[in-house]
Amino acid sequence: MTTKSKRLEDVDRKIGRPTINPDGEAMTPRQVRMDDARWEKCRRLGGAGWIRDRIDEANDPAEPPKRRK
C-alpha cells in the first residue's frame, strides 16, 4: 500500500492562485522594482489588478492614434 505525503497531495490538487486570466490566456508572474512607500501605495490602490487596469487603459505608443470625429 503506497501513501502520498500531504505535500504531494497538495501539488496534485494544484492549489494556489490560478495562472489563467478570465479570457483563458496564461498569465506569467512578473517583477516590478519599487521602494516600500510605492509598494504600500500600490497595495492600497488595488495591487496587481490596479496595475493591469492602468496598462489596459493606457494608450499604446505602437498603435496609431484613433481619429476623433
PDB file of N, CA and C in Angstrom:
ATOM      1  N   MET A   1       0.852  -1.176   0.000  1.00  0.00           N
ATOM      2  CA  MET A   1       0.000   0.000   0.000  1.00  0.00           C
ATOM      3  C   MET A   1       0.897   1.238   0.000  1.00  0.00           C
ATOM      4  N   THR A   2       0.716   2.101  -0.975  1.00  0.00           N
ATOM      5  CA  THR A   2       1.516   3.317  -1.036  1.00  0.00           C
ATOM      6  C   THR A   2       0.671   4.499  -0.599  1.00  0.00           C
ATOM      7  N   THR A   3       1.302   5.398   0.109  1.00  0.00           N
ATOM      8  CA  THR A   3       0.608   6.606   0.540  1.00  0.00           C
ATOM      9  C   THR A   3       1.414   7.814   0.110  1.00  0.00           C
ATOM     10  N   LYS A   4       0.717   8.823  -0.330  1.00  0.00           N
ATOM     11  CA  LYS A   4       1.387  10.067  -0.710  1.00  0.00           C
ATOM     12  C   LYS A   4       1.501  10.965   0.513  1.00  0.00           C
ATOM     13  N   SER A   5       2.550  11.738   0.531  1.00  0.00           N
ATOM     14  CA  SER A   5       2.681  12.700   1.617  1.00  0.00           C
ATOM     15  C   SER A   5       1.660  13.817   1.410  1.00  0.00           C
ATOM     16  N   LYS A   6       1.381  14.560   2.451  1.00  0.00           N
ATOM     17  CA  LYS A   6       0.433  15.680   2.379  1.00  0.00           C
ATOM     18  C   LYS A   6       0.875  16.687   1.318  1.00  0.00           C
ATOM     19  N   ARG A   7       2.177  16.947   1.243  1.00  0.00           N
ATOM     20  CA  ARG A   7       2.698  17.921   0.283  1.00  0.00           C
ATOM     21  C   ARG A   7       2.410  17.474  -1.151  1.00  0.00           C
ATOM     22  N   LEU A   8       2.604  16.214  -1.465  1.00  0.00           N
ATOM     23  CA  LEU A   8       2.348  15.722  -2.809  1.00  0.00           C
ATOM     24  C   LEU A   8       0.865  15.786  -3.150  1.00  0.00           C
ATOM     25  N   GLU A   9       0.009  15.530  -2.167  1.00  0.00           N
ATOM     26  CA  GLU A   9      -1.428  15.645  -2.408  1.00  0.00           C
ATOM     27  C   GLU A   9      -1.796  17.077  -2.761  1.00  0.00           C
ATOM     28  N   ASP A  10      -1.182  18.061  -2.064  1.00  0.00           N
ATOM     29  CA  ASP A  10      -1.446  19.468  -2.351  1.00  0.00           C
ATOM     30  C   ASP A  10      -1.008  19.826  -3.765  1.00  0.00           C
ATOM     31  N   VAL A  11       0.136  19.307  -4.191  1.00  0.00           N
ATOM     32  CA  VAL A  11       0.620  19.591  -5.537  1.00  0.00           C
ATOM     33  C   VAL A  11      -0.334  19.002  -6.569  1.00  0.00           C
ATOM     34  N   ASP A  12      -0.837  17.823  -6.307  1.00  0.00           N
ATOM     35  CA  ASP A  12      -1.778  17.185  -7.232  1.00  0.00           C
ATOM     36  C   ASP A  12      -3.056  18.006  -7.390  1.00  0.00           C
ATOM     37  N   ARG A  13      -3.473  18.696  -6.341  1.00  0.00           N
ATOM     38  CA  ARG A  13      -4.708  19.492  -6.400  1.00  0.00           C
ATOM     39  C   ARG A  13      -4.479  20.850  -7.042  1.00  0.00           C
ATOM     40  N   LYS A  14      -3.224  21.212  -7.298  1.00  0.00           N
ATOM     41  CA  LYS A  14      -2.865  22.490  -7.901  1.00  0.00           C
ATOM     42  C   LYS A  14      -3.494  23.654  -7.150  1.00  0.00           C
ATOM     43  N   ILE A  15      -3.229  23.708  -5.851  1.00  0.00           N
ATOM     44  CA  ILE A  15      -3.770  24.786  -5.046  1.00  0.00           C
ATOM     45  C   ILE A  15      -2.988  26.061  -5.292  1.00  0.00           C
ATOM     46  N   GLY A  16      -3.567  27.181  -4.951  1.00  0.00           N
ATOM     47  CA  GLY A  16      -2.924  28.473  -5.130  1.00  0.00           C
ATOM     48  C   GLY A  16      -3.697  29.323  -6.113  1.00  0.00           C
ATOM     49  N   ARG A  17      -3.095  30.445  -6.476  1.00  0.00           N
ATOM     50  CA  ARG A  17      -3.748  31.359  -7.401  1.00  0.00           C
ATOM     51  C   ARG A  17      -3.774  30.774  -8.808  1.00  0.00           C
ATOM     52  N   PRO A  18      -4.859  30.977  -9.524  1.00  0.00           N
ATOM     53  CA  PRO A  18      -4.917  30.469 -10.894  1.00  0.00           C
ATOM     54  C   PRO A  18      -3.958  31.239 -11.799  1.00  0.00           C
ATOM     55  N   THR A  19      -3.398  30.564 -12.793  1.00  0.00           N
ATOM     56  CA  THR A  19      -2.470  31.194 -13.720  1.00  0.00           C
ATOM     57  C   THR A  19      -3.131  31.514 -15.050  1.00  0.00           C
ATOM     58  N   ILE A  20      -4.436  31.480 -15.090  1.00  0.00           N
ATOM     59  CA  ILE A  20      -5.187  31.777 -16.310  1.00  0.00           C
ATOM     60  C   ILE A  20      -6.084  32.968 -16.019  1.00  0.00           C
ATOM     61  N   ASN A  21      -6.072  33.966 -16.913  1.00  0.00           N
ATOM     62  CA  ASN A  21      -6.945  35.116 -16.706  1.00  0.00           C
ATOM     63  C   ASN A  21      -8.354  34.780 -17.197  1.00  0.00           C
ATOM     64  N   PRO A  22      -9.344  35.634 -16.954  1.00  0.00           N
ATOM     65  CA  PRO A  22     -10.719  35.321 -17.356  1.00  0.00           C
ATOM     66  C   PRO A  22     -10.887  35.073 -18.856  1.00  0.00           C
ATOM     67  N   ASP A  23      -9.989  35.599 -19.691  1.00  0.00           N
ATOM     68  CA  ASP A  23     -10.070  35.373 -21.134  1.00  0.00           C
ATOM     69  C   ASP A  23      -9.481  34.035 -21.546  1.00  0.00           C
ATOM     70  N   GLY A  24      -8.908  33.295 -20.611  1.00  0.00           N
ATOM     71  CA  GLY A  24      -8.329  31.995 -20.902  1.00  0.00           C
ATOM     72  C   GLY A  24      -6.855  32.039 -21.264  1.00  0.00           C
ATOM     73  N   GLU A  25      -6.258  33.212 -21.243  1.00  0.00           N
ATOM     74  CA  GLU A  25      -4.847  33.353 -21.588  1.00  0.00           C
ATOM     75  C   GLU A  25      -3.981  33.091 -20.350  1.00  0.00           C
ATOM     76  N   ALA A  26      -2.882  32.363 -20.541  1.00  0.00           N
ATOM     77  CA  ALA A  26      -1.981  32.068 -19.430  1.00  0.00           C
ATOM     78  C   ALA A  26      -1.308  33.344 -18.944  1.00  0.00           C
ATOM     79  N   MET A  27      -1.169  33.476 -17.634  1.00  0.00           N
ATOM     80  CA  MET A  27      -0.511  34.643 -17.043  1.00  0.00           C
ATOM     81  C   MET A  27       0.820  34.201 -16.438  1.00  0.00           C
ATOM     82  N   THR A  28       1.827  35.055 -16.556  1.00  0.00           N
ATOM     83  CA  THR A  28       3.157  34.773 -16.041  1.00  0.00           C
ATOM     84  C   THR A  28       3.499  35.789 -14.967  1.00  0.00           C
ATOM     85  N   PRO A  29       4.003  35.351 -13.819  1.00  0.00           N
ATOM     86  CA  PRO A  29       4.409  36.309 -12.786  1.00  0.00           C
ATOM     87  C   PRO A  29       5.533  37.204 -13.298  1.00  0.00           C
ATOM     88  N   ARG A  30       5.473  38.487 -12.957  1.00  0.00           N
ATOM     89  CA  ARG A  30       6.492  39.463 -13.355  1.00  0.00           C
ATOM     90  C   ARG A  30       6.987  40.182 -12.112  1.00  0.00           C
ATOM     91  N   GLN A  31       8.160  40.786 -12.226  1.00  0.00           N
ATOM     92  CA  GLN A  31       8.717  41.544 -11.109  1.00  0.00           C
ATOM     93  C   GLN A  31       8.711  43.023 -11.451  1.00  0.00           C
ATOM     94  N   VAL A  32       8.387  43.822 -10.463  1.00  0.00           N
ATOM     95  CA  VAL A  32       8.433  45.272 -10.599  1.00  0.00           C
ATOM     96  C   VAL A  32       9.246  45.799  -9.420  1.00  0.00           C
ATOM     97  N   ARG A  33      10.234  46.621  -9.708  1.00  0.00           N
ATOM     98  CA  ARG A  33      11.062  47.178  -8.639  1.00  0.00           C
ATOM     99  C   ARG A  33      10.480  48.513  -8.190  1.00  0.00           C
ATOM    100  N   MET A  34      10.251  48.646  -6.887  1.00  0.00           N
ATOM    101  CA  MET A  34       9.787  49.906  -6.314  1.00  0.00           C
ATOM    102  C   MET A  34      10.146  49.938  -4.841  1.00  0.00           C
ATOM    103  N   ASP A  35      10.203  51.155  -4.288  1.00  0.00           N
ATOM    104  CA  ASP A  35      10.537  51.268  -2.867  1.00  0.00           C
ATOM    105  C   ASP A  35       9.317  50.903  -2.021  1.00  0.00           C
ATOM    106  N   ASP A  36       9.520  50.798  -0.723  1.00  0.00           N
ATOM    107  CA  ASP A  36       8.460  50.347   0.183  1.00  0.00           C
ATOM    108  C   ASP A  36       7.238  51.264   0.162  1.00  0.00           C
ATOM    109  N   ALA A  37       7.461  52.575   0.107  1.00  0.00           N
ATOM    110  CA  ALA A  37       6.341  53.511   0.103  1.00  0.00           C
ATOM    111  C   ALA A  37       5.467  53.316  -1.144  1.00  0.00           C
ATOM    112  N   ARG A  38       6.097  53.156  -2.286  1.00  0.00           N
ATOM    113  CA  ARG A  38       5.324  52.939  -3.518  1.00  0.00           C
ATOM    114  C   ARG A  38       4.612  51.591  -3.488  1.00  0.00           C
ATOM    115  N   TRP A  39       5.260  50.577  -2.942  1.00  0.00           N
ATOM    116  CA  TRP A  39       4.640  49.254  -2.847  1.00  0.00           C
ATOM    117  C   TRP A  39       3.379  49.316  -1.984  1.00  0.00           C
ATOM    118  N   GLU A  40       3.458  49.983  -0.849  1.00  0.00           N
ATOM    119  CA  GLU A  40       2.288  50.105   0.027  1.00  0.00           C
ATOM    120  C   GLU A  40       1.173  50.888  -0.662  1.00  0.00           C
ATOM    121  N   LYS A  41       1.528  51.955  -1.371  1.00  0.00           N
ATOM    122  CA  LYS A  41       0.515  52.727  -2.104  1.00  0.00           C
ATOM    123  C   LYS A  41      -0.126  51.869  -3.186  1.00  0.00           C
ATOM    124  N   CYS A  42       0.676  51.101  -3.887  1.00  0.00           N
ATOM    125  CA  CYS A  42       0.155  50.194  -4.911  1.00  0.00           C
ATOM    126  C   CYS A  42      -0.829  49.199  -4.300  1.00  0.00           C
ATOM    127  N   ARG A  43      -0.486  48.645  -3.156  1.00  0.00           N
ATOM    128  CA  ARG A  43      -1.391  47.699  -2.477  1.00  0.00           C
ATOM    129  C   ARG A  43      -2.698  48.373  -2.089  1.00  0.00           C
ATOM    130  N   ARG A  44      -2.625  49.617  -1.584  1.00  0.00           N
ATOM    131  CA  ARG A  44      -3.847  50.342  -1.199  1.00  0.00           C
ATOM    132  C   ARG A  44      -4.724  50.642  -2.413  1.00  0.00           C
ATOM    133  N   LEU A  45      -4.097  50.877  -3.554  1.00  0.00           N
ATOM    134  CA  LEU A  45      -4.839  51.194  -4.776  1.00  0.00           C
ATOM    135  C   LEU A  45      -5.445  49.963  -5.446  1.00  0.00           C
ATOM    136  N   GLY A  46      -5.019  48.788  -5.062  1.00  0.00           N
ATOM    137  CA  GLY A  46      -5.606  47.582  -5.638  1.00  0.00           C
ATOM    138  C   GLY A  46      -4.605  46.546  -6.112  1.00  0.00           C
ATOM    139  N   GLY A  47      -3.321  46.813  -5.923  1.00  0.00           N
ATOM    140  CA  GLY A  47      -2.296  45.829  -6.240  1.00  0.00           C
ATOM    141  C   GLY A  47      -2.187  45.499  -7.714  1.00  0.00           C
ATOM    142  N   ALA A  48      -1.963  44.234  -8.010  1.00  0.00           N
ATOM    143  CA  ALA A  48      -1.736  43.798  -9.384  1.00  0.00           C
ATOM    144  C   ALA A  48      -2.933  44.090 -10.288  1.00  0.00           C
ATOM    145  N   GLY A  49      -4.142  43.960  -9.752  1.00  0.00           N
ATOM    146  CA  GLY A  49      -5.334  44.259 -10.546  1.00  0.00           C
ATOM    147  C   GLY A  49      -5.377  45.711 -10.969  1.00  0.00           C
ATOM    148  N   TRP A  50      -4.991  46.601 -10.064  1.00  0.00           N
ATOM    149  CA  TRP A  50      -4.946  48.029 -10.375  1.00  0.00           C
ATOM    150  C   TRP A  50      -3.905  48.304 -11.460  1.00  0.00           C
ATOM    151  N   ILE A  51      -2.738  47.672 -11.344  1.00  0.00           N
ATOM    152  CA  ILE A  51      -1.694  47.843 -12.358  1.00  0.00           C
ATOM    153  C   ILE A  51      -2.185  47.351 -13.717  1.00  0.00           C
ATOM    154  N   ARG A  52      -2.811  46.173 -13.750  1.00  0.00           N
ATOM    155  CA  ARG A  52      -3.322  45.647 -15.021  1.00  0.00           C
ATOM    156  C   ARG A  52      -4.354  46.588 -15.635  1.00  0.00           C
ATOM    157  N   ASP A  53      -5.243  47.150 -14.808  1.00  0.00           N
ATOM    158  CA  ASP A  53      -6.249  48.092 -15.310  1.00  0.00           C
ATOM    159  C   ASP A  53      -5.608  49.331 -15.909  1.00  0.00           C
ATOM    160  N   ARG A  54      -4.584  49.886 -15.241  1.00  0.00           N
ATOM    161  CA  ARG A  54      -3.900  51.084 -15.760  1.00  0.00           C
ATOM    162  C   ARG A  54      -3.241  50.789 -17.102  1.00  0.00           C
ATOM    163  N   ILE A  55      -2.641  49.607 -17.237  1.00  0.00           N
ATOM    164  CA  ILE A  55      -2.000  49.244 -18.505  1.00  0.00           C
ATOM    165  C   ILE A  55      -3.045  49.113 -19.601  1.00  0.00           C
ATOM    166  N   ASP A  56      -4.179  48.486 -19.290  1.00  0.00           N
ATOM    167  CA  ASP A  56      -5.239  48.317 -20.288  1.00  0.00           C
ATOM    168  C   ASP A  56      -5.804  49.660 -20.744  1.00  0.00           C
ATOM    169  N   GLU A  57      -5.892  50.628 -19.833  1.00  0.00           N
ATOM    170  CA  GLU A  57      -6.461  51.937 -20.156  1.00  0.00           C
ATOM    171  C   GLU A  57      -5.477  52.850 -20.886  1.00  0.00           C
ATOM    172  N   ALA A  58      -4.185  52.595 -20.758  1.00  0.00           N
ATOM    173  CA  ALA A  58      -3.168  53.476 -21.339  1.00  0.00           C
ATOM    174  C   ALA A  58      -3.121  53.343 -22.855  1.00  0.00           C
ATOM    175  N   ASN A  59      -2.785  54.441 -23.516  1.00  0.00           N
ATOM    176  CA  ASN A  59      -2.588  54.411 -24.960  1.00  0.00           C
ATOM    177  C   ASN A  59      -1.298  53.676 -25.265  1.00  0.00           C
ATOM    178  N   ASP A  60      -1.332  52.823 -26.278  1.00  0.00           N
ATOM    179  CA  ASP A  60      -0.147  52.077 -26.694  1.00  0.00           C
ATOM    180  C   ASP A  60       0.599  52.904 -27.735  1.00  0.00           C
ATOM    181  N   PRO A  61       1.852  53.287 -27.463  1.00  0.00           N
ATOM    182  CA  PRO A  61       2.581  54.106 -28.426  1.00  0.00           C
ATOM    183  C   PRO A  61       2.845  53.392 -29.750  1.00  0.00           C
ATOM    184  N   ALA A  62       2.744  52.070 -29.777  1.00  0.00           N
ATOM    185  CA  ALA A  62       2.969  51.322 -31.010  1.00  0.00           C
ATOM    186  C   ALA A  62       1.748  51.364 -31.932  1.00  0.00           C
ATOM    187  N   GLU A  63       0.585  51.699 -31.387  1.00  0.00           N
ATOM    188  CA  GLU A  63      -0.638  51.769 -32.197  1.00  0.00           C
ATOM    189  C   GLU A  63      -0.854  53.195 -32.679  1.00  0.00           C
ATOM    190  N   PRO A  64      -1.373  53.350 -33.906  1.00  0.00           N
ATOM    191  CA  PRO A  64      -1.658  54.717 -34.377  1.00  0.00           C
ATOM    192  C   PRO A  64      -2.789  55.330 -33.551  1.00  0.00           C
ATOM    193  N   PRO A  65      -2.738  56.643 -33.347  1.00  0.00           N
ATOM    194  CA  PRO A  65      -3.803  57.295 -32.566  1.00  0.00           C
ATOM    195  C   PRO A  65      -5.147  57.187 -33.282  1.00  0.00           C
ATOM    196  N   LYS A  66      -6.199  57.061 -32.495  1.00  0.00           N
ATOM    197  CA  LYS A  66      -7.554  56.987 -33.059  1.00  0.00           C
ATOM    198  C   LYS A  66      -8.016  58.396 -33.423  1.00  0.00           C
ATOM    199  N   ARG A  67      -8.664  58.503 -34.562  1.00  0.00           N
ATOM    200  CA  ARG A  67      -9.155  59.808 -35.016  1.00  0.00           C
ATOM    201  C   ARG A  67     -10.477  60.127 -34.337  1.00  0.00           C
ATOM    202  N   ARG A  68     -10.598  61.361 -33.937  1.00  0.00           N
ATOM    203  CA  ARG A  68     -11.855  61.825 -33.339  1.00  0.00           C
ATOM    204  C   ARG A  68     -12.722  62.429 -34.423  1.00  0.00           C
ATOM    205  N   LYS A  69     -14.012  62.289 -34.288  1.00  0.00           N
ATOM    206  CA  LYS A  69     -14.944  62.869 -35.275  1.00  0.00           C
ATOM    207  C   LYS A  69     -15.246  64.305 -34.942  1.00  0.00           C
TER     208      LYS A  69
END
